[in-house]
Amino acid sequence: MAKEFGRSVHIDEVFQQTHIRKDTGQFVDERSNKTYEDFVNKFSQAMSEAASSVDESHPMDPGLEDTIRSKCWSDAVGGMTTKGRLYGAGDLARHLKDTQSSRVDVNLKRKASCSSSRDKEEIGQLKQRLAENDVLIRQLQQIQSVVMQFLPTEAQTTIQNICQQQNTNLDQQNGEQHQNQQEEDDQDKNQQDSPNYEDY
């Protein structure tokens, strides 16, 4: 079959070739028919979920479809027997476990890489916004210093008091956030240091 298709074949394709009567086009028995229907439903649902979770800028890995296909087939037939056999898989069952494991590792690494790239992009955007905000603040301070020269003394004093109050409030908020973060860090450290009695 591999030569006929010009690629490696999937378990469900082998199953169709070996469990469908050529004269009627029907499955040889009820079990094979139900197994294939279960597989089709599971595979369709799994592919829809996988497609919805894939980032548009990073198309689905071709190996991921093969992994999903093999996993859905295994689920549809109830998994491998104690002797390591998989209904309808024949010799392909021997290679299934190693193939699935290697593809899952590749996909996990790729997802981690994509997530890391997105995190770096978001951090870069936040840094850029902070830099832009700093520029705006400096510009506003310059404008304020120019305008202050033309205001009456009483108005200057009022504005200075308001600015000082705002700075005091900001310092208090930053102090509270720092204290809360420190308390959370201490709690995490205590939890890590405390013995886990479930292990005994």
C-alpha atoms as a PDB file:
ATOM      1  CA  MET A   1       0.000   0.000   0.000  1.00  0.00           C
ATOM      2  CA  ALA A   2       2.852   2.371   0.756  1.00  0.00           C
ATOM      3  CA  LYS A   3       4.129   1.997  -2.816  1.00  0.00           C
ATOM      4  CA  GLU A   4       0.616   2.494  -4.170  1.00  0.00           C
ATOM      5  CA  PHE A   5       0.061   5.729  -2.209  1.00  0.00           C
ATOM      6  CA  GLY A   6       3.651   6.937  -2.530  1.00  0.00           C
ATOM      7  CA  ARG A   7       3.791   7.572   1.243  1.00  0.00           C
ATOM      8  CA  SER A   8       3.472   5.777   4.541  1.00  0.00           C
ATOM      9  CA  VAL A   9      -0.030   4.459   5.145  1.00  0.00           C
ATOM     10  CA  HIS A  10      -2.257   5.074   8.137  1.00  0.00           C
ATOM     11  CA  ILE A  11      -3.888   2.427  10.282  1.00  0.00           C
ATOM     12  CA  ASP A  12      -7.407   3.358   9.201  1.00  0.00           C
ATOM     13  CA  GLU A  13      -6.398   3.050   5.538  1.00  0.00           C
ATOM     14  CA  VAL A  14      -4.988  -0.425   6.107  1.00  0.00           C
ATOM     15  CA  PHE A  15      -8.148  -1.301   8.023  1.00  0.00           C
ATOM     16  CA  GLN A  16     -10.351  -0.269   5.102  1.00  0.00           C
ATOM     17  CA  GLN A  17      -8.312  -2.382   2.707  1.00  0.00           C
ATOM     18  CA  THR A  18      -8.474  -5.467   4.923  1.00  0.00           C
ATOM     19  CA  HIS A  19     -11.979  -5.200   6.407  1.00  0.00           C
ATOM     20  CA  ILE A  20     -14.165  -4.083   3.493  1.00  0.00           C
ATOM     21  CA  ARG A  21     -15.565  -6.625   1.049  1.00  0.00           C
ATOM     22  CA  LYS A  22     -14.574  -5.807  -2.504  1.00  0.00           C
ATOM     23  CA  ASP A  23     -17.781  -7.178  -3.959  1.00  0.00           C
ATOM     24  CA  THR A  24     -20.215  -5.237  -1.713  1.00  0.00           C
ATOM     25  CA  GLY A  25     -18.105  -2.342  -0.415  1.00  0.00           C
ATOM     26  CA  GLN A  26     -19.397  -3.129   3.082  1.00  0.00           C
ATOM     27  CA  PHE A  27     -17.395  -3.938   6.197  1.00  0.00           C
ATOM     28  CA  VAL A  28     -16.961  -7.621   6.885  1.00  0.00           C
ATOM     29  CA  ASP A  29     -18.772  -7.502  10.242  1.00  0.00           C
ATOM     30  CA  GLU A  30     -20.541  -5.194  12.698  1.00  0.00           C
ATOM     31  CA  ARG A  31     -17.445  -4.757  14.893  1.00  0.00           C
ATOM     32  CA  SER A  32     -15.308  -3.458  12.037  1.00  0.00           C
ATOM     33  CA  ASN A  33     -18.101  -1.139  10.887  1.00  0.00           C
ATOM     34  CA  LYS A  34     -18.626   0.287  14.397  1.00  0.00           C
ATOM     35  CA  THR A  35     -14.875   0.625  14.964  1.00  0.00           C
ATOM     36  CA  TYR A  36     -14.437   2.679  11.822  1.00  0.00           C
ATOM     37  CA  GLU A  37     -17.436   4.894  12.572  1.00  0.00           C
ATOM     38  CA  ASP A  38     -16.093   5.574  16.090  1.00  0.00           C
ATOM     39  CA  PHE A  39     -12.703   6.413  14.637  1.00  0.00           C
ATOM     40  CA  VAL A  40     -14.153   8.839  12.063  1.00  0.00           C
ATOM     41  CA  ASN A  41     -16.143  10.679  14.745  1.00  0.00           C
ATOM     42  CA  LYS A  42     -13.193  10.909  17.150  1.00  0.00           C
ATOM     43  CA  PHE A  43     -10.781  11.971  14.411  1.00  0.00           C
ATOM     44  CA  SER A  44     -13.127  14.646  13.056  1.00  0.00           C
ATOM     45  CA  GLN A  45     -13.672  16.136  16.514  1.00  0.00           C
ATOM     46  CA  ALA A  46      -9.968  16.005  17.428  1.00  0.00           C
ATOM     47  CA  MET A  47      -8.904  17.703  14.185  1.00  0.00           C
ATOM     48  CA  SER A  48     -11.468  20.476  14.694  1.00  0.00           C
ATOM     49  CA  GLU A  49     -10.141  21.109  18.214  1.00  0.00           C
ATOM     50  CA  ALA A  50      -6.533  21.029  17.023  1.00  0.00           C
ATOM     51  CA  ALA A  51      -7.247  23.436  14.154  1.00  0.00           C
ATOM     52  CA  SER A  52      -8.948  25.919  16.482  1.00  0.00           C
ATOM     53  CA  SER A  53      -5.966  25.958  18.846  1.00  0.00           C
ATOM     54  CA  VAL A  54      -3.275  26.406  16.166  1.00  0.00           C
ATOM     55  CA  ASP A  55      -1.874  29.907  15.708  1.00  0.00           C
ATOM     56  CA  GLU A  56      -2.547  31.273  12.204  1.00  0.00           C
ATOM     57  CA  SER A  57       1.091  32.353  11.890  1.00  0.00           C
ATOM     58  CA  HIS A  58       2.228  28.806  12.697  1.00  0.00           C
ATOM     59  CA  PRO A  59       0.329  26.239  10.581  1.00  0.00           C
ATOM     60  CA  MET A  60      -0.355  22.769  11.947  1.00  0.00           C
ATOM     61  CA  ASP A  61       2.616  20.426  11.893  1.00  0.00           C
ATOM     62  CA  PRO A  62       1.940  17.670   9.313  1.00  0.00           C
ATOM     63  CA  GLY A  63       3.142  15.135  11.881  1.00  0.00           C
ATOM     64  CA  LEU A  64       0.480  16.318  14.310  1.00  0.00           C
ATOM     65  CA  GLU A  65      -2.312  15.010  12.069  1.00  0.00           C
ATOM     66  CA  ASP A  66      -0.644  11.579  11.991  1.00  0.00           C
ATOM     67  CA  THR A  67      -0.337  11.613  15.779  1.00  0.00           C
ATOM     68  CA  ILE A  68      -3.994  12.575  16.209  1.00  0.00           C
ATOM     69  CA  ARG A  69      -5.038   9.930  13.687  1.00  0.00           C
ATOM     70  CA  SER A  70      -3.117   7.175  15.512  1.00  0.00           C
ATOM     71  CA  LYS A  71      -4.387   8.313  18.921  1.00  0.00           C
ATOM     72  CA  CYS A  72      -8.014   8.365  17.720  1.00  0.00           C
ATOM     73  CA  TRP A  73      -7.667   4.901  16.240  1.00  0.00           C
ATOM     74  CA  SER A  74      -6.226   3.572  19.489  1.00  0.00           C
ATOM     75  CA  ASP A  75      -9.110   5.155  21.418  1.00  0.00           C
ATOM     76  CA  ALA A  76     -11.703   3.794  18.993  1.00  0.00           C
ATOM     77  CA  VAL A  77     -10.488   0.193  19.372  1.00  0.00           C
ATOM     78  CA  GLY A  78      -9.931   0.415  23.145  1.00  0.00           C
ATOM     79  CA  GLY A  79      -6.134   0.628  23.107  1.00  0.00           C
ATOM     80  CA  MET A  80      -3.521  -2.074  22.864  1.00  0.00           C
ATOM     81  CA  THR A  81      -3.979  -5.505  24.375  1.00  0.00           C
ATOM     82  CA  THR A  82      -1.675  -6.881  27.062  1.00  0.00           C
ATOM     83  CA  LYS A  83       0.281  -8.537  24.244  1.00  0.00           C
ATOM     84  CA  GLY A  84       0.852  -5.184  22.559  1.00  0.00           C
ATOM     85  CA  ARG A  85      -1.618  -5.784  19.744  1.00  0.00           C
ATOM     86  CA  LEU A  86      -3.983  -3.198  18.324  1.00  0.00           C
ATOM     87  CA  TYR A  87      -7.189  -4.236  16.569  1.00  0.00           C
ATOM     88  CA  GLY A  88      -6.926  -3.651  12.836  1.00  0.00           C
ATOM     89  CA  ALA A  89      -3.336  -2.409  12.957  1.00  0.00           C
ATOM     90  CA  GLY A  90      -1.390  -5.570  12.191  1.00  0.00           C
ATOM     91  CA  ASP A  91       2.360  -4.944  11.987  1.00  0.00           C
ATOM     92  CA  LEU A  92       1.820  -1.160  12.243  1.00  0.00           C
ATOM     93  CA  ALA A  93       1.054  -1.543  15.966  1.00  0.00           C
ATOM     94  CA  ARG A  94       4.710  -2.272  16.724  1.00  0.00           C
ATOM     95  CA  HIS A  95       5.777   1.139  15.414  1.00  0.00           C
ATOM     96  CA  LEU A  96       2.815   3.082  16.780  1.00  0.00           C
ATOM     97  CA  LYS A  97       4.037   3.707  20.336  1.00  0.00           C
ATOM     98  CA  ASP A  98       7.513   4.958  19.387  1.00  0.00           C
ATOM     99  CA  THR A  99       6.142   7.094  16.550  1.00  0.00           C
ATOM    100  CA  GLN A 100       3.529   8.720  18.778  1.00  0.00           C
ATOM    101  CA  SER A 101       6.063   9.494  21.508  1.00  0.00           C
ATOM    102  CA  SER A 102       8.564  11.109  19.153  1.00  0.00           C
ATOM    103  CA  ARG A 103       5.891  13.219  17.430  1.00  0.00           C
ATOM    104  CA  VAL A 104       4.403  14.350  20.715  1.00  0.00           C
ATOM    105  CA  ASP A 105       7.858  15.480  21.871  1.00  0.00           C
ATOM    106  CA  VAL A 106       8.374  17.443  18.652  1.00  0.00           C
ATOM    107  CA  ASN A 107       4.950  19.105  18.910  1.00  0.00           C
ATOM    108  CA  LEU A 108       5.456  20.009  22.567  1.00  0.00           C
ATOM    109  CA  LYS A 109       8.804  21.610  21.768  1.00  0.00           C
ATOM    110  CA  ARG A 110       7.267  23.537  18.897  1.00  0.00           C
ATOM    111  CA  LYS A 111       4.384  24.787  21.047  1.00  0.00           C
ATOM    112  CA  ALA A 112       6.858  25.876  23.734  1.00  0.00           C
ATOM    113  CA  SER A 113       8.917  27.694  21.113  1.00  0.00           C
ATOM    114  CA  CYS A 114       5.837  29.477  19.718  1.00  0.00           C
ATOM    115  CA  SER A 115       4.727  30.456  23.215  1.00  0.00           C
ATOM    116  CA  SER A 116       8.196  31.794  24.020  1.00  0.00           C
ATOM    117  CA  SER A 117       8.239  33.834  20.793  1.00  0.00           C
ATOM    118  CA  ARG A 118       4.842  35.367  21.586  1.00  0.00           C
ATOM    119  CA  ASP A 119       5.987  36.205  25.128  1.00  0.00           C
ATOM    120  CA  LYS A 120       9.083  37.965  23.769  1.00  0.00           C
ATOM    121  CA  GLU A 121       6.961  39.951  21.323  1.00  0.00           C
ATOM    122  CA  GLU A 122       4.574  41.034  24.095  1.00  0.00           C
ATOM    123  CA  ILE A 123       7.461  42.027  26.367  1.00  0.00           C
ATOM    124  CA  GLY A 124       8.987  44.055  23.542  1.00  0.00           C
ATOM    125  CA  GLN A 125       5.678  45.838  22.942  1.00  0.00           C
ATOM    126  CA  LEU A 126       5.293  46.632  26.648  1.00  0.00           C
ATOM    127  CA  LYS A 127       8.819  48.048  26.827  1.00  0.00           C
ATOM    128  CA  GLN A 128       8.091  50.214  23.816  1.00  0.00           C
ATOM    129  CA  ARG A 129       4.896  51.541  25.414  1.00  0.00           C
ATOM    130  CA  LEU A 130       6.738  52.303  28.651  1.00  0.00           C
ATOM    131  CA  ALA A 131       9.388  54.223  26.727  1.00  0.00           C
ATOM    132  CA  GLU A 132       6.691  56.189  24.886  1.00  0.00           C
ATOM    133  CA  ASN A 133       4.961  56.965  28.203  1.00  0.00           C
ATOM    134  CA  ASP A 134       8.243  58.239  29.668  1.00  0.00           C
ATOM    135  CA  VAL A 135       8.642  60.586  26.714  1.00  0.00           C
ATOM    136  CA  LEU A 136       5.087  61.899  27.160  1.00  0.00           C
ATOM    137  CA  ILE A 137       5.632  62.434  30.889  1.00  0.00           C
ATOM    138  CA  ARG A 138       8.805  64.435  30.259  1.00  0.00           C
ATOM    139  CA  GLN A 139       7.016  66.537  27.643  1.00  0.00           C
ATOM    140  CA  LEU A 140       4.143  67.241  30.033  1.00  0.00           C
ATOM    141  CA  GLN A 141       6.578  68.198  32.777  1.00  0.00           C
ATOM    142  CA  GLN A 142       8.287  70.646  30.426  1.00  0.00           C
ATOM    143  CA  ILE A 143       4.941  72.172  29.447  1.00  0.00           C
ATOM    144  CA  GLN A 144       3.949  72.395  33.105  1.00  0.00           C
ATOM    145  CA  SER A 145       7.155  74.208  34.055  1.00  0.00           C
ATOM    146  CA  VAL A 146       6.605  76.748  31.258  1.00  0.00           C
ATOM    147  CA  VAL A 147       2.940  77.349  32.165  1.00  0.00           C
ATOM    148  CA  MET A 148       3.722  77.623  35.892  1.00  0.00           C
ATOM    149  CA  GLN A 149       5.802  80.764  35.257  1.00  0.00           C
ATOM    150  CA  PHE A 150       2.721  82.657  34.079  1.00  0.00           C
ATOM    151  CA  LEU A 151       0.378  81.564  36.901  1.00  0.00           C
ATOM    152  CA  PRO A 152      -0.260  83.512  40.104  1.00  0.00           C
ATOM    153  CA  THR A 153       1.684  82.354  43.151  1.00  0.00           C
ATOM    154  CA  GLU A 154      -1.418  80.914  44.799  1.00  0.00           C
ATOM    155  CA  ALA A 155      -2.230  78.797  41.709  1.00  0.00           C
ATOM    156  CA  GLN A 156       1.387  77.562  41.531  1.00  0.00           C
ATOM    157  CA  THR A 157       1.225  76.472  45.171  1.00  0.00           C
ATOM    158  CA  THR A 158      -2.070  74.638  44.599  1.00  0.00           C
ATOM    159  CA  ILE A 159      -0.724  72.772  41.577  1.00  0.00           C
ATOM    160  CA  GLN A 160       2.466  71.817  43.421  1.00  0.00           C
ATOM    161  CA  ASN A 161       0.434  70.456  46.349  1.00  0.00           C
ATOM    162  CA  ILE A 162      -1.719  68.374  43.990  1.00  0.00           C
ATOM    163  CA  CYS A 163       1.363  66.946  42.262  1.00  0.00           C
ATOM    164  CA  GLN A 164       2.996  66.106  45.586  1.00  0.00           C
ATOM    165  CA  GLN A 165      -0.183  64.349  46.779  1.00  0.00           C
ATOM    166  CA  GLN A 166      -0.347  62.317  43.572  1.00  0.00           C
ATOM    167  CA  ASN A 167       3.295  61.303  43.920  1.00  0.00           C
ATOM    168  CA  THR A 168       2.703  60.302  47.563  1.00  0.00           C
ATOM    169  CA  ASN A 169      -0.289  58.158  46.588  1.00  0.00           C
ATOM    170  CA  LEU A 170       1.725  56.519  43.799  1.00  0.00           C
ATOM    171  CA  ASP A 171       4.601  55.760  46.168  1.00  0.00           C
ATOM    172  CA  GLN A 172       2.159  54.188  48.641  1.00  0.00           C
ATOM    173  CA  GLN A 173       0.603  52.012  45.927  1.00  0.00           C
ATOM    174  CA  ASN A 174       4.013  50.867  44.729  1.00  0.00           C
ATOM    175  CA  GLY A 175       5.029  50.100  48.311  1.00  0.00           C
ATOM    176  CA  GLU A 176       1.898  48.034  48.919  1.00  0.00           C
ATOM    177  CA  GLN A 177       2.387  46.111  45.673  1.00  0.00           C
ATOM    178  CA  HIS A 178       6.008  45.392  46.594  1.00  0.00           C
ATOM    179  CA  GLN A 179       4.976  44.226  50.068  1.00  0.00           C
ATOM    180  CA  ASN A 180       2.241  41.967  48.672  1.00  0.00           C
ATOM    181  CA  GLN A 181       4.674  40.475  46.177  1.00  0.00           C
ATOM    182  CA  GLN A 182       7.206  39.891  48.934  1.00  0.00           C
ATOM    183  CA  GLU A 183       4.585  38.125  51.063  1.00  0.00           C
ATOM    184  CA  GLU A 184       3.582  35.896  48.125  1.00  0.00           C
ATOM    185  CA  ASP A 185       7.238  35.038  47.469  1.00  0.00           C
ATOM    186  CA  ASP A 186       7.733  34.174  51.155  1.00  0.00           C
ATOM    187  CA  GLN A 187       4.634  31.938  51.113  1.00  0.00           C
ATOM    188  CA  ASP A 188       5.859  30.144  47.994  1.00  0.00           C
ATOM    189  CA  LYS A 189       9.257  29.618  49.565  1.00  0.00           C
ATOM    190  CA  ASN A 190       7.718  28.263  52.780  1.00  0.00           C
ATOM    191  CA  GLN A 191       5.576  25.836  50.789  1.00  0.00           C
ATOM    192  CA  GLN A 192       8.608  24.603  48.877  1.00  0.00           C
ATOM    193  CA  ASP A 193      10.666  24.206  52.051  1.00  0.00           C
ATOM    194  CA  SER A 194       7.927  22.445  54.067  1.00  0.00           C
ATOM    195  CA  PRO A 195       8.013  18.611  53.916  1.00  0.00           C
ATOM    196  CA  ASN A 196       5.402  16.830  51.861  1.00  0.00           C
ATOM    197  CA  TYR A 197       3.917  14.253  54.225  1.00  0.00           C
ATOM    198  CA  GLU A 198       2.203  12.477  51.356  1.00  0.00           C
ATOM    199  CA  ASP A 199       5.613  11.212  50.307  1.00  0.00           C
ATOM    200  CA  TYR A 200       6.059   9.326  53.608  1.00  0.00           C
END
